[in-house]
Amino acid sequence: MKQVGIVTLISVGAAAAAPAPRVPQTPATFATAKSVEQFGGCFVDAQDRSGSAWSYVPRSDGGTFSNAGAQGVAHPYYLAVYDRGSTRQLRLEAASTGAPFDARVAKVVDQCI
């Protein structure tokens, strides 16, 4: 019985010491009454001022900003902008599954909405 208790204790200790699985960061969503052009202008100006890489791919109902593929980018992102009539919905997500967001990009989005 003493051996069972020791084995159980060791098993619990090993499980507690094991690294936790990386939980993917869920996309952040925002909404704004600004037009795609107004929001985009603010976002691009902020990215340019900070010397951050960015690209934009337009669509008929908005577009997507990203820094994915740019040289030296540590935290690539996708920022989708959807024109929903009187509001624009924004979805910020890391370009790599499970990767962290760049907090600076989320802050700029928050300032521009």
N, C-alpha and C. Protein backbone atom coordinates (compact mmCIF):
# COMPACT_ATOMS: atom_id res chain seq x y z
N MET A 1 0.83 -1.19 0.00
CA MET A 1 0.00 0.00 0.00
C MET A 1 0.87 1.25 0.00
N LYS A 2 1.99 1.19 0.72
CA LYS A 2 2.91 2.32 0.78
C LYS A 2 3.47 2.62 -0.61
N GLN A 3 3.75 1.56 -1.41
CA GLN A 3 4.29 1.75 -2.75
C GLN A 3 3.27 2.42 -3.67
N VAL A 4 2.01 2.07 -3.53
CA VAL A 4 0.96 2.69 -4.35
C VAL A 4 0.88 4.18 -4.04
N GLY A 5 0.99 4.54 -2.77
CA GLY A 5 0.95 5.95 -2.37
C GLY A 5 2.13 6.72 -2.94
N ILE A 6 3.32 6.11 -2.94
CA ILE A 6 4.51 6.77 -3.47
C ILE A 6 4.39 6.95 -4.98
N VAL A 7 3.93 5.92 -5.69
CA VAL A 7 3.74 6.01 -7.14
C VAL A 7 2.71 7.09 -7.48
N THR A 8 1.63 7.15 -6.72
CA THR A 8 0.61 8.16 -6.95
C THR A 8 1.18 9.56 -6.72
N LEU A 9 1.95 9.73 -5.66
CA LEU A 9 2.56 11.02 -5.35
C LEU A 9 3.51 11.44 -6.46
N ILE A 10 4.32 10.53 -6.96
CA ILE A 10 5.26 10.84 -8.04
C ILE A 10 4.49 11.20 -9.31
N SER A 11 3.42 10.48 -9.61
CA SER A 11 2.62 10.76 -10.81
C SER A 11 1.99 12.14 -10.75
N VAL A 12 1.45 12.49 -9.59
CA VAL A 12 0.84 13.82 -9.43
C VAL A 12 1.90 14.90 -9.58
N GLY A 13 3.06 14.70 -8.99
CA GLY A 13 4.15 15.68 -9.09
C GLY A 13 4.62 15.84 -10.53
N ALA A 14 4.74 14.75 -11.26
CA ALA A 14 5.17 14.82 -12.66
C ALA A 14 4.14 15.54 -13.52
N ALA A 15 2.88 15.30 -13.27
CA ALA A 15 1.82 15.97 -14.04
C ALA A 15 1.81 17.46 -13.76
N ALA A 16 2.05 17.84 -12.52
CA ALA A 16 2.06 19.26 -12.16
C ALA A 16 3.27 19.97 -12.75
N ALA A 17 4.39 19.27 -12.89
CA ALA A 17 5.61 19.88 -13.41
C ALA A 17 5.63 19.94 -14.93
N ALA A 18 4.79 19.17 -15.60
CA ALA A 18 4.78 19.15 -17.07
C ALA A 18 4.28 20.49 -17.60
N PRO A 19 4.85 20.94 -18.71
CA PRO A 19 4.38 22.21 -19.28
C PRO A 19 2.94 22.10 -19.75
N ALA A 20 2.21 23.17 -19.55
CA ALA A 20 0.81 23.20 -19.98
C ALA A 20 0.76 23.32 -21.50
N PRO A 21 -0.21 22.73 -22.13
CA PRO A 21 -0.32 22.87 -23.59
C PRO A 21 -0.61 24.32 -23.94
N ARG A 22 -0.08 24.76 -25.05
CA ARG A 22 -0.26 26.14 -25.49
C ARG A 22 -1.68 26.31 -26.01
N VAL A 23 -2.40 27.22 -25.41
CA VAL A 23 -3.79 27.47 -25.81
C VAL A 23 -3.77 28.54 -26.91
N PRO A 24 -4.36 28.25 -28.06
CA PRO A 24 -4.38 29.25 -29.12
C PRO A 24 -5.12 30.50 -28.66
N GLN A 25 -4.59 31.66 -29.06
CA GLN A 25 -5.23 32.92 -28.71
C GLN A 25 -6.41 33.12 -29.65
N THR A 26 -7.55 33.41 -29.08
CA THR A 26 -8.74 33.62 -29.91
C THR A 26 -8.66 34.99 -30.57
N PRO A 27 -9.23 35.12 -31.74
CA PRO A 27 -9.22 36.41 -32.42
C PRO A 27 -9.95 37.48 -31.60
N ALA A 28 -9.47 38.70 -31.71
CA ALA A 28 -10.12 39.84 -31.05
C ALA A 28 -11.05 40.49 -32.06
N THR A 29 -12.23 40.86 -31.63
CA THR A 29 -13.19 41.52 -32.52
C THR A 29 -13.48 42.92 -32.02
N PHE A 30 -13.69 43.82 -32.96
CA PHE A 30 -13.97 45.22 -32.67
C PHE A 30 -15.08 45.68 -33.62
N ALA A 31 -15.66 46.82 -33.33
CA ALA A 31 -16.64 47.43 -34.23
C ALA A 31 -16.42 48.93 -34.22
N THR A 32 -16.67 49.57 -35.36
CA THR A 32 -16.53 51.01 -35.46
C THR A 32 -17.57 51.57 -36.43
N ALA A 33 -17.94 52.82 -36.20
CA ALA A 33 -18.84 53.51 -37.12
C ALA A 33 -18.05 54.21 -38.22
N LYS A 34 -16.71 54.27 -38.08
CA LYS A 34 -15.88 54.90 -39.10
C LYS A 34 -15.94 54.10 -40.39
N SER A 35 -15.78 54.80 -41.50
CA SER A 35 -15.75 54.12 -42.80
C SER A 35 -14.46 53.30 -42.90
N VAL A 36 -14.43 52.40 -43.86
CA VAL A 36 -13.21 51.61 -44.10
C VAL A 36 -12.04 52.55 -44.37
N GLU A 37 -12.28 53.61 -45.15
CA GLU A 37 -11.23 54.56 -45.49
C GLU A 37 -10.75 55.32 -44.25
N GLN A 38 -11.68 55.76 -43.39
CA GLN A 38 -11.29 56.49 -42.18
C GLN A 38 -10.49 55.60 -41.24
N PHE A 39 -10.99 54.40 -40.97
CA PHE A 39 -10.26 53.49 -40.10
C PHE A 39 -8.92 53.13 -40.72
N GLY A 40 -8.93 52.78 -42.00
CA GLY A 40 -7.69 52.39 -42.68
C GLY A 40 -6.65 53.49 -42.68
N GLY A 41 -7.09 54.73 -42.89
CA GLY A 41 -6.15 55.85 -42.86
C GLY A 41 -5.48 56.00 -41.50
N CYS A 42 -6.27 55.90 -40.45
CA CYS A 42 -5.74 55.98 -39.08
C CYS A 42 -4.76 54.84 -38.82
N PHE A 43 -5.15 53.62 -39.18
CA PHE A 43 -4.32 52.44 -38.93
C PHE A 43 -3.00 52.53 -39.70
N VAL A 44 -3.07 52.89 -40.98
CA VAL A 44 -1.87 52.99 -41.82
C VAL A 44 -0.95 54.08 -41.30
N ASP A 45 -1.50 55.24 -40.93
CA ASP A 45 -0.68 56.33 -40.38
C ASP A 45 0.07 55.87 -39.14
N ALA A 46 -0.62 55.17 -38.25
CA ALA A 46 0.01 54.69 -37.01
C ALA A 46 1.10 53.66 -37.32
N GLN A 47 0.84 52.76 -38.26
CA GLN A 47 1.84 51.76 -38.63
C GLN A 47 3.06 52.44 -39.26
N ASP A 48 2.83 53.43 -40.12
CA ASP A 48 3.93 54.15 -40.75
C ASP A 48 4.76 54.92 -39.72
N ARG A 49 4.08 55.59 -38.78
CA ARG A 49 4.80 56.34 -37.74
C ARG A 49 5.70 55.44 -36.90
N SER A 50 5.26 54.22 -36.65
CA SER A 50 6.05 53.30 -35.83
C SER A 50 7.06 52.50 -36.65
N GLY A 51 7.06 52.70 -37.97
CA GLY A 51 7.98 51.97 -38.82
C GLY A 51 7.62 50.50 -38.97
N SER A 52 6.35 50.17 -38.76
CA SER A 52 5.89 48.78 -38.84
C SER A 52 5.48 48.42 -40.27
N ALA A 53 5.77 47.19 -40.64
CA ALA A 53 5.38 46.71 -41.97
C ALA A 53 3.87 46.48 -42.01
N TRP A 54 3.27 46.72 -43.17
CA TRP A 54 1.85 46.45 -43.34
C TRP A 54 1.55 46.30 -44.83
N SER A 55 0.47 45.62 -45.12
CA SER A 55 -0.06 45.52 -46.47
C SER A 55 -1.57 45.54 -46.35
N TYR A 56 -2.24 45.81 -47.46
CA TYR A 56 -3.70 45.84 -47.47
C TYR A 56 -4.19 45.19 -48.75
N VAL A 57 -5.12 44.28 -48.61
CA VAL A 57 -5.77 43.63 -49.75
C VAL A 57 -7.25 44.01 -49.70
N PRO A 58 -7.70 44.87 -50.63
CA PRO A 58 -9.11 45.29 -50.61
C PRO A 58 -10.05 44.20 -51.10
N ARG A 59 -11.28 44.28 -50.61
CA ARG A 59 -12.38 43.42 -51.06
C ARG A 59 -13.59 44.33 -51.26
N SER A 60 -14.62 43.81 -51.86
CA SER A 60 -15.81 44.62 -52.11
C SER A 60 -16.51 45.01 -50.81
N ASP A 61 -16.33 44.21 -49.74
CA ASP A 61 -16.99 44.51 -48.46
C ASP A 61 -15.99 44.85 -47.36
N GLY A 62 -14.84 45.41 -47.72
CA GLY A 62 -13.82 45.78 -46.72
C GLY A 62 -12.44 45.46 -47.22
N GLY A 63 -11.69 44.67 -46.45
CA GLY A 63 -10.34 44.30 -46.84
C GLY A 63 -9.58 43.71 -45.68
N THR A 64 -8.32 43.35 -45.92
CA THR A 64 -7.49 42.75 -44.88
C THR A 64 -6.14 43.43 -44.82
N PHE A 65 -5.77 43.87 -43.62
CA PHE A 65 -4.43 44.38 -43.35
C PHE A 65 -3.61 43.22 -42.80
N SER A 66 -2.31 43.24 -43.08
CA SER A 66 -1.44 42.18 -42.56
C SER A 66 0.01 42.63 -42.61
N ASN A 67 0.83 41.99 -41.79
CA ASN A 67 2.28 42.15 -41.89
C ASN A 67 2.93 40.79 -42.13
N ALA A 68 2.11 39.79 -42.44
CA ALA A 68 2.62 38.43 -42.67
C ALA A 68 3.55 38.43 -43.88
N GLY A 69 4.69 37.80 -43.73
CA GLY A 69 5.65 37.69 -44.81
C GLY A 69 6.68 38.80 -44.85
N ALA A 70 6.48 39.86 -44.08
CA ALA A 70 7.45 40.95 -44.06
C ALA A 70 8.70 40.52 -43.28
N GLN A 71 9.83 40.98 -43.74
CA GLN A 71 11.10 40.60 -43.11
C GLN A 71 11.19 41.17 -41.69
N GLY A 72 11.62 40.33 -40.76
CA GLY A 72 11.86 40.77 -39.38
C GLY A 72 10.63 40.87 -38.51
N VAL A 73 9.49 40.40 -38.97
CA VAL A 73 8.25 40.48 -38.18
C VAL A 73 8.20 39.32 -37.20
N ALA A 74 8.09 39.65 -35.91
CA ALA A 74 8.06 38.61 -34.87
C ALA A 74 6.66 38.05 -34.65
N HIS A 75 5.64 38.88 -34.79
CA HIS A 75 4.26 38.46 -34.53
C HIS A 75 3.36 38.85 -35.70
N PRO A 76 3.34 38.05 -36.77
CA PRO A 76 2.48 38.40 -37.91
C PRO A 76 1.00 38.32 -37.55
N TYR A 77 0.21 39.19 -38.18
CA TYR A 77 -1.22 39.27 -37.88
C TYR A 77 -2.02 39.41 -39.16
N TYR A 78 -3.32 39.16 -39.03
CA TYR A 78 -4.31 39.49 -40.05
C TYR A 78 -5.37 40.34 -39.37
N LEU A 79 -5.71 41.45 -39.98
CA LEU A 79 -6.78 42.32 -39.48
C LEU A 79 -7.81 42.47 -40.59
N ALA A 80 -8.89 41.73 -40.48
CA ALA A 80 -9.95 41.78 -41.48
C ALA A 80 -10.95 42.86 -41.12
N VAL A 81 -11.34 43.65 -42.12
CA VAL A 81 -12.33 44.72 -41.94
C VAL A 81 -13.52 44.37 -42.82
N TYR A 82 -14.69 44.26 -42.20
CA TYR A 82 -15.92 43.91 -42.91
C TYR A 82 -16.87 45.09 -42.85
N ASP A 83 -17.30 45.58 -44.01
CA ASP A 83 -18.26 46.68 -44.08
C ASP A 83 -19.66 46.09 -43.92
N ARG A 84 -20.33 46.47 -42.84
CA ARG A 84 -21.66 45.94 -42.53
C ARG A 84 -22.71 47.06 -42.55
N GLY A 85 -22.62 47.92 -43.54
CA GLY A 85 -23.59 49.01 -43.64
C GLY A 85 -23.22 50.16 -42.74
N SER A 86 -23.92 50.31 -41.61
CA SER A 86 -23.65 51.44 -40.71
C SER A 86 -22.46 51.21 -39.79
N THR A 87 -21.94 50.00 -39.73
CA THR A 87 -20.76 49.71 -38.90
C THR A 87 -19.75 48.87 -39.67
N ARG A 88 -18.52 48.92 -39.20
CA ARG A 88 -17.47 48.06 -39.71
C ARG A 88 -17.08 47.11 -38.60
N GLN A 89 -17.00 45.84 -38.91
CA GLN A 89 -16.54 44.84 -37.94
C GLN A 89 -15.09 44.52 -38.27
N LEU A 90 -14.28 44.41 -37.23
CA LEU A 90 -12.86 44.12 -37.40
C LEU A 90 -12.53 42.85 -36.63
N ARG A 91 -11.65 42.05 -37.21
CA ARG A 91 -11.24 40.80 -36.58
C ARG A 91 -9.72 40.73 -36.66
N LEU A 92 -9.07 40.79 -35.50
CA LEU A 92 -7.61 40.73 -35.41
C LEU A 92 -7.21 39.35 -34.93
N GLU A 93 -6.35 38.69 -35.69
CA GLU A 93 -5.88 37.37 -35.28
C GLU A 93 -4.42 37.18 -35.67
N ALA A 94 -3.75 36.35 -34.90
CA ALA A 94 -2.36 36.01 -35.20
C ALA A 94 -2.33 35.20 -36.50
N ALA A 95 -1.30 35.42 -37.31
CA ALA A 95 -1.20 34.70 -38.59
C ALA A 95 -0.84 33.24 -38.39
N SER A 96 -0.22 32.92 -37.26
CA SER A 96 0.16 31.53 -36.96
C SER A 96 -0.71 31.01 -35.83
N THR A 97 -1.25 29.82 -35.98
CA THR A 97 -2.10 29.23 -34.96
C THR A 97 -1.34 29.12 -33.64
N GLY A 98 -1.95 29.61 -32.59
CA GLY A 98 -1.35 29.53 -31.26
C GLY A 98 -0.34 30.61 -30.95
N ALA A 99 -0.03 31.45 -31.92
CA ALA A 99 0.95 32.51 -31.69
C ALA A 99 0.29 33.67 -30.95
N PRO A 100 1.07 34.42 -30.17
CA PRO A 100 0.50 35.56 -29.46
C PRO A 100 0.28 36.75 -30.39
N PHE A 101 -0.65 37.61 -30.01
CA PHE A 101 -0.85 38.86 -30.73
C PHE A 101 0.29 39.81 -30.41
N ASP A 102 0.53 40.73 -31.30
CA ASP A 102 1.40 41.86 -31.00
C ASP A 102 0.50 42.89 -30.32
N ALA A 103 0.73 43.14 -29.06
CA ALA A 103 -0.13 44.06 -28.29
C ALA A 103 -0.16 45.45 -28.90
N ARG A 104 0.92 45.84 -29.58
CA ARG A 104 0.95 47.18 -30.20
C ARG A 104 -0.09 47.30 -31.31
N VAL A 105 -0.29 46.24 -32.07
CA VAL A 105 -1.29 46.27 -33.15
C VAL A 105 -2.69 46.38 -32.56
N ALA A 106 -2.96 45.60 -31.52
CA ALA A 106 -4.28 45.67 -30.87
C ALA A 106 -4.52 47.07 -30.30
N LYS A 107 -3.48 47.70 -29.78
CA LYS A 107 -3.62 49.05 -29.22
C LYS A 107 -3.94 50.05 -30.33
N VAL A 108 -3.27 49.93 -31.47
CA VAL A 108 -3.54 50.83 -32.60
C VAL A 108 -4.97 50.65 -33.09
N VAL A 109 -5.42 49.40 -33.21
CA VAL A 109 -6.80 49.15 -33.64
C VAL A 109 -7.76 49.82 -32.67
N ASP A 110 -7.52 49.64 -31.38
CA ASP A 110 -8.39 50.23 -30.37
C ASP A 110 -8.40 51.75 -30.46
N GLN A 111 -7.25 52.36 -30.75
CA GLN A 111 -7.18 53.82 -30.86
C GLN A 111 -7.87 54.34 -32.12
N CYS A 112 -7.87 53.53 -33.18
CA CYS A 112 -8.43 53.98 -34.46
C CYS A 112 -9.93 53.73 -34.61
N ILE A 113 -10.50 52.90 -33.75
CA ILE A 113 -11.94 52.65 -33.88
C ILE A 113 -12.66 53.81 -33.29
